[in-house]
Amino acid sequence: MKLHRPLSARQEALHERALYNAILSLRTTDEARAFFRDLCTPAELQAMADRWAVVELLQKGLPYREIQRLTGVSVTTVGRVARYLNDGNGGYGVAVGRLREPRET
């Protein structure tokens, strides 16, 4: 909970952009792990990891109830992830596509 005056929409957008730029500066999985462990609570990290697992299982065509059984997330969360995967901002799709690209050696 924030205890100071709320930021303007412009200030919030600048803070958000700075966060994304910090994420983009990370070069390895270990760097990303350290950054996110510093940034997030264990519960926040688990929620994000769970959602990403749902994305992968949805891409494989598994039914919602099976995804719930495998991940432990609610069917509501599975549905929410599916909605954003199909009709969201495109972020899940970009990440899925990039991870499918062959890696340079």
PDB file of N, CA and C in Angstrom:
ATOM      1  N   MET A   1       0.845  -1.173   0.000  1.00  0.00           N
ATOM      2  CA  MET A   1       0.000   0.000   0.000  1.00  0.00           C
ATOM      3  C   MET A   1       0.894   1.241   0.000  1.00  0.00           C
ATOM      4  N   LYS A   2       0.565   2.183  -0.863  1.00  0.00           N
ATOM      5  CA  LYS A   2       1.330   3.417  -0.954  1.00  0.00           C
ATOM      6  C   LYS A   2       0.857   4.389   0.117  1.00  0.00           C
ATOM      7  N   LEU A   3       1.809   5.021   0.794  1.00  0.00           N
ATOM      8  CA  LEU A   3       1.472   5.973   1.848  1.00  0.00           C
ATOM      9  C   LEU A   3       1.703   7.417   1.423  1.00  0.00           C
ATOM     10  N   HIS A   4       2.262   7.611   0.227  1.00  0.00           N
ATOM     11  CA  HIS A   4       2.524   8.961  -0.252  1.00  0.00           C
ATOM     12  C   HIS A   4       1.460   9.396  -1.248  1.00  0.00           C
ATOM     13  N   ARG A   5       1.575  10.630  -1.679  1.00  0.00           N
ATOM     14  CA  ARG A   5       0.623  11.140  -2.662  1.00  0.00           C
ATOM     15  C   ARG A   5       0.671  10.296  -3.918  1.00  0.00           C
ATOM     16  N   PRO A   6      -0.469  10.052  -4.519  1.00  0.00           N
ATOM     17  CA  PRO A   6      -0.473   9.261  -5.756  1.00  0.00           C
ATOM     18  C   PRO A   6       0.293   9.990  -6.860  1.00  0.00           C
ATOM     19  N   LEU A   7       0.954   9.220  -7.693  1.00  0.00           N
ATOM     20  CA  LEU A   7       1.682   9.782  -8.822  1.00  0.00           C
ATOM     21  C   LEU A   7       0.710  10.109  -9.944  1.00  0.00           C
ATOM     22  N   SER A   8       1.112  11.031 -10.780  1.00  0.00           N
ATOM     23  CA  SER A   8       0.303  11.320 -11.966  1.00  0.00           C
ATOM     24  C   SER A   8       0.390  10.131 -12.909  1.00  0.00           C
ATOM     25  N   ALA A   9      -0.530  10.078 -13.846  1.00  0.00           N
ATOM     26  CA  ALA A   9      -0.522   8.992 -14.830  1.00  0.00           C
ATOM     27  C   ALA A   9       0.794   8.995 -15.609  1.00  0.00           C
ATOM     28  N   ARG A  10       1.313  10.170 -15.884  1.00  0.00           N
ATOM     29  CA  ARG A  10       2.592  10.279 -16.609  1.00  0.00           C
ATOM     30  C   ARG A  10       3.733   9.726 -15.774  1.00  0.00           C
ATOM     31  N   GLN A  11       3.760  10.058 -14.486  1.00  0.00           N
ATOM     32  CA  GLN A  11       4.809   9.548 -13.603  1.00  0.00           C
ATOM     33  C   GLN A  11       4.713   8.034 -13.466  1.00  0.00           C
ATOM     34  N   GLU A  12       3.501   7.517 -13.338  1.00  0.00           N
ATOM     35  CA  GLU A  12       3.303   6.064 -13.265  1.00  0.00           C
ATOM     36  C   GLU A  12       3.826   5.397 -14.529  1.00  0.00           C
ATOM     37  N   ALA A  13       3.519   5.989 -15.691  1.00  0.00           N
ATOM     38  CA  ALA A  13       3.972   5.426 -16.962  1.00  0.00           C
ATOM     39  C   ALA A  13       5.496   5.440 -17.052  1.00  0.00           C
ATOM     40  N   LEU A  14       6.124   6.496 -16.559  1.00  0.00           N
ATOM     41  CA  LEU A  14       7.590   6.570 -16.574  1.00  0.00           C
ATOM     42  C   LEU A  14       8.200   5.510 -15.664  1.00  0.00           C
ATOM     43  N   HIS A  15       7.613   5.296 -14.502  1.00  0.00           N
ATOM     44  CA  HIS A  15       8.093   4.262 -13.585  1.00  0.00           C
ATOM     45  C   HIS A  15       7.945   2.874 -14.215  1.00  0.00           C
ATOM     46  N   GLU A  16       6.810   2.659 -14.857  1.00  0.00           N
ATOM     47  CA  GLU A  16       6.565   1.366 -15.504  1.00  0.00           C
ATOM     48  C   GLU A  16       7.575   1.133 -16.619  1.00  0.00           C
ATOM     49  N   ARG A  17       7.814   2.160 -17.419  1.00  0.00           N
ATOM     50  CA  ARG A  17       8.780   2.048 -18.514  1.00  0.00           C
ATOM     51  C   ARG A  17      10.183   1.774 -17.975  1.00  0.00           C
ATOM     52  N   ALA A  18      10.544   2.417 -16.880  1.00  0.00           N
ATOM     53  CA  ALA A  18      11.859   2.194 -16.267  1.00  0.00           C
ATOM     54  C   ALA A  18      11.993   0.742 -15.800  1.00  0.00           C
ATOM     55  N   LEU A  19      10.917   0.185 -15.261  1.00  0.00           N
ATOM     56  CA  LEU A  19      10.937  -1.216 -14.849  1.00  0.00           C
ATOM     57  C   LEU A  19      11.172  -2.119 -16.059  1.00  0.00           C
ATOM     58  N   TYR A  20      10.449  -1.891 -17.139  1.00  0.00           N
ATOM     59  CA  TYR A  20      10.617  -2.724 -18.329  1.00  0.00           C
ATOM     60  C   TYR A  20      12.032  -2.601 -18.886  1.00  0.00           C
ATOM     61  N   ASN A  21      12.583  -1.407 -18.859  1.00  0.00           N
ATOM     62  CA  ASN A  21      13.957  -1.230 -19.323  1.00  0.00           C
ATOM     63  C   ASN A  21      14.947  -1.971 -18.426  1.00  0.00           C
ATOM     64  N   ALA A  22      14.692  -1.983 -17.133  1.00  0.00           N
ATOM     65  CA  ALA A  22      15.557  -2.743 -16.216  1.00  0.00           C
ATOM     66  C   ALA A  22      15.485  -4.232 -16.553  1.00  0.00           C
ATOM     67  N   ILE A  23      14.289  -4.731 -16.813  1.00  0.00           N
ATOM     68  CA  ILE A  23      14.126  -6.146 -17.171  1.00  0.00           C
ATOM     69  C   ILE A  23      14.873  -6.450 -18.464  1.00  0.00           C
ATOM     70  N   LEU A  24      14.755  -5.562 -19.437  1.00  0.00           N
ATOM     71  CA  LEU A  24      15.435  -5.771 -20.716  1.00  0.00           C
ATOM     72  C   LEU A  24      16.957  -5.720 -20.597  1.00  0.00           C
ATOM     73  N   SER A  25      17.461  -5.122 -19.534  1.00  0.00           N
ATOM     74  CA  SER A  25      18.919  -5.037 -19.355  1.00  0.00           C
ATOM     75  C   SER A  25      19.518  -6.354 -18.866  1.00  0.00           C
ATOM     76  N   LEU A  26      18.693  -7.257 -18.382  1.00  0.00           N
ATOM     77  CA  LEU A  26      19.182  -8.524 -17.843  1.00  0.00           C
ATOM     78  C   LEU A  26      19.619  -9.429 -18.978  1.00  0.00           C
ATOM     79  N   ARG A  27      20.754 -10.105 -18.788  1.00  0.00           N
ATOM     80  CA  ARG A  27      21.328 -10.880 -19.889  1.00  0.00           C
ATOM     81  C   ARG A  27      21.220 -12.389 -19.724  1.00  0.00           C
ATOM     82  N   THR A  28      21.034 -12.871 -18.517  1.00  0.00           N
ATOM     83  CA  THR A  28      21.007 -14.315 -18.303  1.00  0.00           C
ATOM     84  C   THR A  28      19.819 -14.692 -17.423  1.00  0.00           C
ATOM     85  N   THR A  29      19.507 -15.969 -17.444  1.00  0.00           N
ATOM     86  CA  THR A  29      18.447 -16.475 -16.576  1.00  0.00           C
ATOM     87  C   THR A  29      18.804 -16.230 -15.114  1.00  0.00           C
ATOM     88  N   ASP A  30      20.069 -16.417 -14.763  1.00  0.00           N
ATOM     89  CA  ASP A  30      20.482 -16.192 -13.380  1.00  0.00           C
ATOM     90  C   ASP A  30      20.316 -14.725 -12.972  1.00  0.00           C
ATOM     91  N   GLU A  31      20.636 -13.803 -13.880  1.00  0.00           N
ATOM     92  CA  GLU A  31      20.417 -12.383 -13.589  1.00  0.00           C
ATOM     93  C   GLU A  31      18.936 -12.091 -13.403  1.00  0.00           C
ATOM     94  N   ALA A  32      18.110 -12.660 -14.271  1.00  0.00           N
ATOM     95  CA  ALA A  32      16.665 -12.444 -14.167  1.00  0.00           C
ATOM     96  C   ALA A  32      16.136 -13.026 -12.858  1.00  0.00           C
ATOM     97  N   ARG A  33      16.601 -14.219 -12.506  1.00  0.00           N
ATOM     98  CA  ARG A  33      16.165 -14.846 -11.251  1.00  0.00           C
ATOM     99  C   ARG A  33      16.509 -13.949 -10.064  1.00  0.00           C
ATOM    100  N   ALA A  34      17.727 -13.448 -10.018  1.00  0.00           N
ATOM    101  CA  ALA A  34      18.147 -12.584  -8.913  1.00  0.00           C
ATOM    102  C   ALA A  34      17.313 -11.302  -8.865  1.00  0.00           C
ATOM    103  N   PHE A  35      17.087 -10.703 -10.028  1.00  0.00           N
ATOM    104  CA  PHE A  35      16.315  -9.462 -10.097  1.00  0.00           C
ATOM    105  C   PHE A  35      14.894  -9.677  -9.587  1.00  0.00           C
ATOM    106  N   PHE A  36      14.226 -10.718 -10.112  1.00  0.00           N
ATOM    107  CA  PHE A  36      12.839 -10.945  -9.721  1.00  0.00           C
ATOM    108  C   PHE A  36      12.720 -11.388  -8.271  1.00  0.00           C
ATOM    109  N   ARG A  37      13.717 -12.096  -7.761  1.00  0.00           N
ATOM    110  CA  ARG A  37      13.682 -12.462  -6.344  1.00  0.00           C
ATOM    111  C   ARG A  37      13.872 -11.242  -5.448  1.00  0.00           C
ATOM    112  N   ASP A  38      14.611 -10.255  -5.933  1.00  0.00           N
ATOM    113  CA  ASP A  38      14.735  -9.002  -5.185  1.00  0.00           C
ATOM    114  C   ASP A  38      13.463  -8.160  -5.310  1.00  0.00           C
ATOM    115  N   LEU A  39      12.858  -8.172  -6.477  1.00  0.00           N
ATOM    116  CA  LEU A  39      11.717  -7.306  -6.772  1.00  0.00           C
ATOM    117  C   LEU A  39      10.403  -7.813  -6.183  1.00  0.00           C
ATOM    118  N   CYS A  40      10.196  -9.117  -6.213  1.00  0.00           N
ATOM    119  CA  CYS A  40       8.888  -9.697  -5.892  1.00  0.00           C
ATOM    120  C   CYS A  40       8.924 -10.515  -4.604  1.00  0.00           C
ATOM    121  N   THR A  41       7.751 -10.653  -4.008  1.00  0.00           N
ATOM    122  CA  THR A  41       7.619 -11.567  -2.884  1.00  0.00           C
ATOM    123  C   THR A  41       7.580 -12.994  -3.444  1.00  0.00           C
ATOM    124  N   PRO A  42       7.854 -13.993  -2.606  1.00  0.00           N
ATOM    125  CA  PRO A  42       7.736 -15.366  -3.090  1.00  0.00           C
ATOM    126  C   PRO A  42       6.340 -15.676  -3.664  1.00  0.00           C
ATOM    127  N   ALA A  43       5.303 -15.144  -3.056  1.00  0.00           N
ATOM    128  CA  ALA A  43       3.946 -15.383  -3.547  1.00  0.00           C
ATOM    129  C   ALA A  43       3.735 -14.747  -4.926  1.00  0.00           C
ATOM    130  N   GLU A  44       4.273 -13.550  -5.133  1.00  0.00           N
ATOM    131  CA  GLU A  44       4.152 -12.900  -6.437  1.00  0.00           C
ATOM    132  C   GLU A  44       4.884 -13.695  -7.512  1.00  0.00           C
ATOM    133  N   LEU A  45       6.081 -14.153  -7.189  1.00  0.00           N
ATOM    134  CA  LEU A  45       6.841 -14.966  -8.143  1.00  0.00           C
ATOM    135  C   LEU A  45       6.099 -16.253  -8.479  1.00  0.00           C
ATOM    136  N   GLN A  46       5.543 -16.899  -7.462  1.00  0.00           N
ATOM    137  CA  GLN A  46       4.812 -18.146  -7.690  1.00  0.00           C
ATOM    138  C   GLN A  46       3.595 -17.902  -8.572  1.00  0.00           C
ATOM    139  N   ALA A  47       2.890 -16.815  -8.336  1.00  0.00           N
ATOM    140  CA  ALA A  47       1.715 -16.500  -9.158  1.00  0.00           C
ATOM    141  C   ALA A  47       2.115 -16.285 -10.619  1.00  0.00           C
ATOM    142  N   MET A  48       3.215 -15.583 -10.853  1.00  0.00           N
ATOM    143  CA  MET A  48       3.666 -15.363 -12.230  1.00  0.00           C
ATOM    144  C   MET A  48       4.130 -16.667 -12.870  1.00  0.00           C
ATOM    145  N   ALA A  49       4.868 -17.480 -12.118  1.00  0.00           N
ATOM    146  CA  ALA A  49       5.329 -18.768 -12.648  1.00  0.00           C
ATOM    147  C   ALA A  49       4.137 -19.671 -12.965  1.00  0.00           C
ATOM    148  N   ASP A  50       3.140 -19.661 -12.092  1.00  0.00           N
ATOM    149  CA  ASP A  50       1.934 -20.455 -12.336  1.00  0.00           C
ATOM    150  C   ASP A  50       1.235 -20.009 -13.611  1.00  0.00           C
ATOM    151  N   ARG A  51       1.110 -18.710 -13.802  1.00  0.00           N
ATOM    152  CA  ARG A  51       0.443 -18.204 -15.007  1.00  0.00           C
ATOM    153  C   ARG A  51       1.212 -18.594 -16.258  1.00  0.00           C
ATOM    154  N   TRP A  52       2.542 -18.530 -16.183  1.00  0.00           N
ATOM    155  CA  TRP A  52       3.335 -18.915 -17.349  1.00  0.00           C
ATOM    156  C   TRP A  52       3.176 -20.407 -17.636  1.00  0.00           C
ATOM    157  N   ALA A  53       3.110 -21.224 -16.593  1.00  0.00           N
ATOM    158  CA  ALA A  53       2.870 -22.660 -16.788  1.00  0.00           C
ATOM    159  C   ALA A  53       1.522 -22.880 -17.465  1.00  0.00           C
ATOM    160  N   VAL A  54       0.522 -22.094 -17.091  1.00  0.00           N
ATOM    161  CA  VAL A  54      -0.805 -22.192 -17.714  1.00  0.00           C
ATOM    162  C   VAL A  54      -0.710 -21.852 -19.197  1.00  0.00           C
ATOM    163  N   VAL A  55       0.042 -20.817 -19.551  1.00  0.00           N
ATOM    164  CA  VAL A  55       0.215 -20.451 -20.964  1.00  0.00           C
ATOM    165  C   VAL A  55       0.758 -21.644 -21.742  1.00  0.00           C
ATOM    166  N   GLU A  56       1.801 -22.259 -21.212  1.00  0.00           N
ATOM    167  CA  GLU A  56       2.418 -23.390 -21.913  1.00  0.00           C
ATOM    168  C   GLU A  56       1.436 -24.544 -22.091  1.00  0.00           C
ATOM    169  N   LEU A  57       0.644 -24.825 -21.066  1.00  0.00           N
ATOM    170  CA  LEU A  57      -0.321 -25.923 -21.147  1.00  0.00           C
ATOM    171  C   LEU A  57      -1.488 -25.596 -22.077  1.00  0.00           C
ATOM    172  N   LEU A  58      -1.914 -24.337 -22.081  1.00  0.00           N
ATOM    173  CA  LEU A  58      -2.961 -23.922 -23.025  1.00  0.00           C
ATOM    174  C   LEU A  58      -2.464 -24.075 -24.459  1.00  0.00           C
ATOM    175  N   GLN A  59      -1.208 -23.737 -24.695  1.00  0.00           N
ATOM    176  CA  GLN A  59      -0.626 -23.874 -26.032  1.00  0.00           C
ATOM    177  C   GLN A  59      -0.617 -25.328 -26.492  1.00  0.00           C
ATOM    178  N   LYS A  60      -0.548 -26.246 -25.543  1.00  0.00           N
ATOM    179  CA  LYS A  60      -0.578 -27.673 -25.865  1.00  0.00           C
ATOM    180  C   LYS A  60      -2.002 -28.187 -26.050  1.00  0.00           C
ATOM    181  N   GLY A  61      -2.994 -27.327 -25.785  1.00  0.00           N
ATOM    182  CA  GLY A  61      -4.385 -27.691 -26.004  1.00  0.00           C
ATOM    183  C   GLY A  61      -5.037 -28.443 -24.861  1.00  0.00           C
ATOM    184  N   LEU A  62      -4.443 -28.417 -23.684  1.00  0.00           N
ATOM    185  CA  LEU A  62      -5.040 -29.133 -22.556  1.00  0.00           C
ATOM    186  C   LEU A  62      -6.312 -28.442 -22.083  1.00  0.00           C
ATOM    187  N   PRO A  63      -7.284 -29.217 -21.622  1.00  0.00           N
ATOM    188  CA  PRO A  63      -8.517 -28.636 -21.076  1.00  0.00           C
ATOM    189  C   PRO A  63      -8.248 -27.913 -19.756  1.00  0.00           C
ATOM    190  N   TYR A  64      -9.101 -26.937 -19.461  1.00  0.00           N
ATOM    191  CA  TYR A  64      -8.935 -26.122 -18.256  1.00  0.00           C
ATOM    192  C   TYR A  64      -8.826 -26.966 -16.992  1.00  0.00           C
ATOM    193  N   ARG A  65      -9.673 -27.958 -16.850  1.00  0.00           N
ATOM    194  CA  ARG A  65      -9.668 -28.782 -15.624  1.00  0.00           C
ATOM    195  C   ARG A  65      -8.370 -29.575 -15.493  1.00  0.00           C
ATOM    196  N   GLU A  66      -7.826 -30.029 -16.608  1.00  0.00           N
ATOM    197  CA  GLU A  66      -6.550 -30.733 -16.571  1.00  0.00           C
ATOM    198  C   GLU A  66      -5.422 -29.780 -16.172  1.00  0.00           C
ATOM    199  N   ILE A  67      -5.480 -28.559 -16.692  1.00  0.00           N
ATOM    200  CA  ILE A  67      -4.482 -27.554 -16.317  1.00  0.00           C
ATOM    201  C   ILE A  67      -4.596 -27.253 -14.828  1.00  0.00           C
ATOM    202  N   GLN A  68      -5.816 -27.140 -14.337  1.00  0.00           N
ATOM    203  CA  GLN A  68      -6.019 -26.920 -12.898  1.00  0.00           C
ATOM    204  C   GLN A  68      -5.398 -28.056 -12.095  1.00  0.00           C
ATOM    205  N   ARG A  69      -5.636 -29.281 -12.533  1.00  0.00           N
ATOM    206  CA  ARG A  69      -5.103 -30.447 -11.826  1.00  0.00           C
ATOM    207  C   ARG A  69      -3.572 -30.450 -11.822  1.00  0.00           C
ATOM    208  N   LEU A  70      -2.978 -30.092 -12.957  1.00  0.00           N
ATOM    209  CA  LEU A  70      -1.522 -30.125 -13.075  1.00  0.00           C
ATOM    210  C   LEU A  70      -0.820 -28.984 -12.339  1.00  0.00           C
ATOM    211  N   THR A  71      -1.465 -27.813 -12.314  1.00  0.00           N
ATOM    212  CA  THR A  71      -0.803 -26.625 -11.763  1.00  0.00           C
ATOM    213  C   THR A  71      -1.305 -26.204 -10.394  1.00  0.00           C
ATOM    214  N   GLY A  72      -2.530 -26.583 -10.073  1.00  0.00           N
ATOM    215  CA  GLY A  72      -3.120 -26.148  -8.814  1.00  0.00           C
ATOM    216  C   GLY A  72      -3.757 -24.772  -8.876  1.00  0.00           C
ATOM    217  N   VAL A  73      -3.713 -24.113 -10.031  1.00  0.00           N
ATOM    218  CA  VAL A  73      -4.365 -22.806 -10.139  1.00  0.00           C
ATOM    219  C   VAL A  73      -5.852 -23.009 -10.387  1.00  0.00           C
ATOM    220  N   SER A  74      -6.632 -22.015 -10.047  1.00  0.00           N
ATOM    221  CA  SER A  74      -8.082 -22.117 -10.207  1.00  0.00           C
ATOM    222  C   SER A  74      -8.472 -22.103 -11.686  1.00  0.00           C
ATOM    223  N   VAL A  75      -9.620 -22.665 -11.969  1.00  0.00           N
ATOM    224  CA  VAL A  75     -10.147 -22.638 -13.331  1.00  0.00           C
ATOM    225  C   VAL A  75     -10.376 -21.189 -13.762  1.00  0.00           C
ATOM    226  N   THR A  76     -10.728 -20.333 -12.809  1.00  0.00           N
ATOM    227  CA  THR A  76     -10.907 -18.907 -13.108  1.00  0.00           C
ATOM    228  C   THR A  76      -9.601 -18.299 -13.616  1.00  0.00           C
ATOM    229  N   THR A  77      -8.499 -18.631 -12.955  1.00  0.00           N
ATOM    230  CA  THR A  77      -7.196 -18.116 -13.395  1.00  0.00           C
ATOM    231  C   THR A  77      -6.828 -18.685 -14.753  1.00  0.00           C
ATOM    232  N   VAL A  78      -7.088 -19.959 -14.965  1.00  0.00           N
ATOM    233  CA  VAL A  78      -6.820 -20.559 -16.281  1.00  0.00           C
ATOM    234  C   VAL A  78      -7.604 -19.803 -17.351  1.00  0.00           C
ATOM    235  N   GLY A  79      -8.870 -19.530 -17.080  1.00  0.00           N
ATOM    236  CA  GLY A  79      -9.694 -18.787 -18.031  1.00  0.00           C
ATOM    237  C   GLY A  79      -9.181 -17.389 -18.285  1.00  0.00           C
ATOM    238  N   ARG A  80      -8.725 -16.739 -17.227  1.00  0.00           N
ATOM    239  CA  ARG A  80      -8.183 -15.382 -17.367  1.00  0.00           C
ATOM    240  C   ARG A  80      -6.926 -15.393 -18.229  1.00  0.00           C
ATOM    241  N   VAL A  81      -6.038 -16.343 -17.971  1.00  0.00           N
ATOM    242  CA  VAL A  81      -4.815 -16.447 -18.777  1.00  0.00           C
ATOM    243  C   VAL A  81      -5.180 -16.739 -20.232  1.00  0.00           C
ATOM    244  N   ALA A  82      -6.129 -17.645 -20.447  1.00  0.00           N
ATOM    245  CA  ALA A  82      -6.555 -17.972 -21.815  1.00  0.00           C
ATOM    246  C   ALA A  82      -7.106 -16.738 -22.520  1.00  0.00           C
ATOM    247  N   ARG A  83      -7.886 -15.953 -21.804  1.00  0.00           N
ATOM    248  CA  ARG A  83      -8.461 -14.741 -22.393  1.00  0.00           C
ATOM    249  C   ARG A  83      -7.356 -13.782 -22.821  1.00  0.00           C
ATOM    250  N   TYR A  84      -6.359 -13.580 -21.957  1.00  0.00           N
ATOM    251  CA  TYR A  84      -5.268 -12.675 -22.314  1.00  0.00           C
ATOM    252  C   TYR A  84      -4.362 -13.271 -23.383  1.00  0.00           C
ATOM    253  N   LEU A  85      -4.216 -14.578 -23.396  1.00  0.00           N
ATOM    254  CA  LEU A  85      -3.427 -15.235 -24.444  1.00  0.00           C
ATOM    255  C   LEU A  85      -4.067 -14.998 -25.803  1.00  0.00           C
ATOM    256  N   ASN A  86      -5.390 -15.055 -25.840  1.00  0.00           N
ATOM    257  CA  ASN A  86      -6.107 -14.909 -27.109  1.00  0.00           C
ATOM    258  C   ASN A  86      -6.468 -13.472 -27.461  1.00  0.00           C
ATOM    259  N   ASP A  87      -6.839 -12.665 -26.451  1.00  0.00           N
ATOM    260  CA  ASP A  87      -7.375 -11.331 -26.734  1.00  0.00           C
ATOM    261  C   ASP A  87      -6.701 -10.226 -25.921  1.00  0.00           C
ATOM    262  N   GLY A  88      -5.534 -10.485 -25.382  1.00  0.00           N
ATOM    263  CA  GLY A  88      -4.865  -9.500 -24.547  1.00  0.00           C
ATOM    264  C   GLY A  88      -4.023  -8.538 -25.366  1.00  0.00           C
ATOM    265  N   ASN A  89      -2.907  -8.138 -24.796  1.00  0.00           N
ATOM    266  CA  ASN A  89      -2.022  -7.163 -25.423  1.00  0.00           C
ATOM    267  C   ASN A  89      -0.976  -7.788 -26.336  1.00  0.00           C
ATOM    268  N   GLY A  90      -0.966  -9.104 -26.418  1.00  0.00           N
ATOM    269  CA  GLY A  90      -0.028  -9.792 -27.307  1.00  0.00           C
ATOM    270  C   GLY A  90       1.280 -10.209 -26.652  1.00  0.00           C
ATOM    271  N   GLY A  91       1.457  -9.879 -25.378  1.00  0.00           N
ATOM    272  CA  GLY A  91       2.711 -10.192 -24.701  1.00  0.00           C
ATOM    273  C   GLY A  91       2.983 -11.672 -24.564  1.00  0.00           C
ATOM    274  N   TYR A  92       1.958 -12.435 -24.188  1.00  0.00           N
ATOM    275  CA  TYR A  92       2.144 -13.880 -24.080  1.00  0.00           C
ATOM    276  C   TYR A  92       2.567 -14.446 -25.433  1.00  0.00           C
ATOM    277  N   GLY A  93       1.889 -14.030 -26.485  1.00  0.00           N
ATOM    278  CA  GLY A  93       2.186 -14.544 -27.819  1.00  0.00           C
ATOM    279  C   GLY A  93       3.595 -14.231 -28.275  1.00  0.00           C
ATOM    280  N   VAL A  94       4.063 -13.017 -27.988  1.00  0.00           N
ATOM    281  CA  VAL A  94       5.435 -12.646 -28.350  1.00  0.00           C
ATOM    282  C   VAL A  94       6.425 -13.555 -27.630  1.00  0.00           C
ATOM    283  N   ALA A  95       6.229 -13.731 -26.324  1.00  0.00           N
ATOM    284  CA  ALA A  95       7.159 -14.553 -25.549  1.00  0.00           C
ATOM    285  C   ALA A  95       7.133 -16.004 -26.028  1.00  0.00           C
ATOM    286  N   VAL A  96       5.947 -16.546 -26.254  1.00  0.00           N
ATOM    287  CA  VAL A  96       5.841 -17.923 -26.740  1.00  0.00           C
ATOM    288  C   VAL A  96       6.557 -18.061 -28.082  1.00  0.00           C
ATOM    289  N   GLY A  97       6.315 -17.126 -28.973  1.00  0.00           N
ATOM    290  CA  GLY A  97       6.954 -17.169 -30.288  1.00  0.00           C
ATOM    291  C   GLY A  97       8.459 -17.075 -30.213  1.00  0.00           C
ATOM    292  N   ARG A  98       8.950 -16.188 -29.375  1.00  0.00           N
ATOM    293  CA  ARG A  98      10.403 -16.026 -29.252  1.00  0.00           C
ATOM    294  C   ARG A  98      11.057 -17.261 -28.652  1.00  0.00           C
ATOM    295  N   LEU A  99      10.388 -17.887 -27.713  1.00  0.00           N
ATOM    296  CA  LEU A  99      10.955 -19.086 -27.108  1.00  0.00           C
ATOM    297  C   LEU A  99      10.957 -20.267 -28.075  1.00  0.00           C
ATOM    298  N   ARG A 100      10.113 -20.214 -29.088  1.00  0.00           N
ATOM    299  CA  ARG A 100      10.079 -21.271 -30.109  1.00  0.00           C
ATOM    300  C   ARG A 100      11.138 -21.052 -31.188  1.00  0.00           C
ATOM    301  N   GLU A 101      11.668 -19.840 -31.290  1.00  0.00           N
ATOM    302  CA  GLU A 101      12.689 -19.541 -32.303  1.00  0.00           C
ATOM    303  C   GLU A 101      13.963 -20.295 -31.971  1.00  0.00           C
ATOM    304  N   PRO A 102      14.662 -20.749 -33.034  1.00  0.00           N
ATOM    305  CA  PRO A 102      15.949 -21.415 -32.772  1.00  0.00           C
ATOM    306  C   PRO A 102      16.921 -20.426 -32.130  1.00  0.00           C
ATOM    307  N   ARG A 103      17.678 -20.899 -31.178  1.00  0.00           N
ATOM    308  CA  ARG A 103      18.654 -20.054 -30.492  1.00  0.00           C
ATOM    309  C   ARG A 103      19.965 -20.051 -31.251  1.00  0.00           C
ATOM    310  N   GLU A 104      20.629 -18.894 -31.242  1.00  0.00           N
ATOM    311  CA  GLU A 104      21.953 -18.795 -31.867  1.00  0.00           C
ATOM    312  C   GLU A 104      22.956 -19.501 -30.970  1.00  0.00           C
ATOM    313  N   THR A 105      23.891 -20.185 -31.593  1.00  0.00           N
ATOM    314  CA  THR A 105      24.931 -20.863 -30.798  1.00  0.00           C
ATOM    315  C   THR A 105      26.269 -20.231 -30.975  1.00  0.00           C
TER     316      THR A 105
END
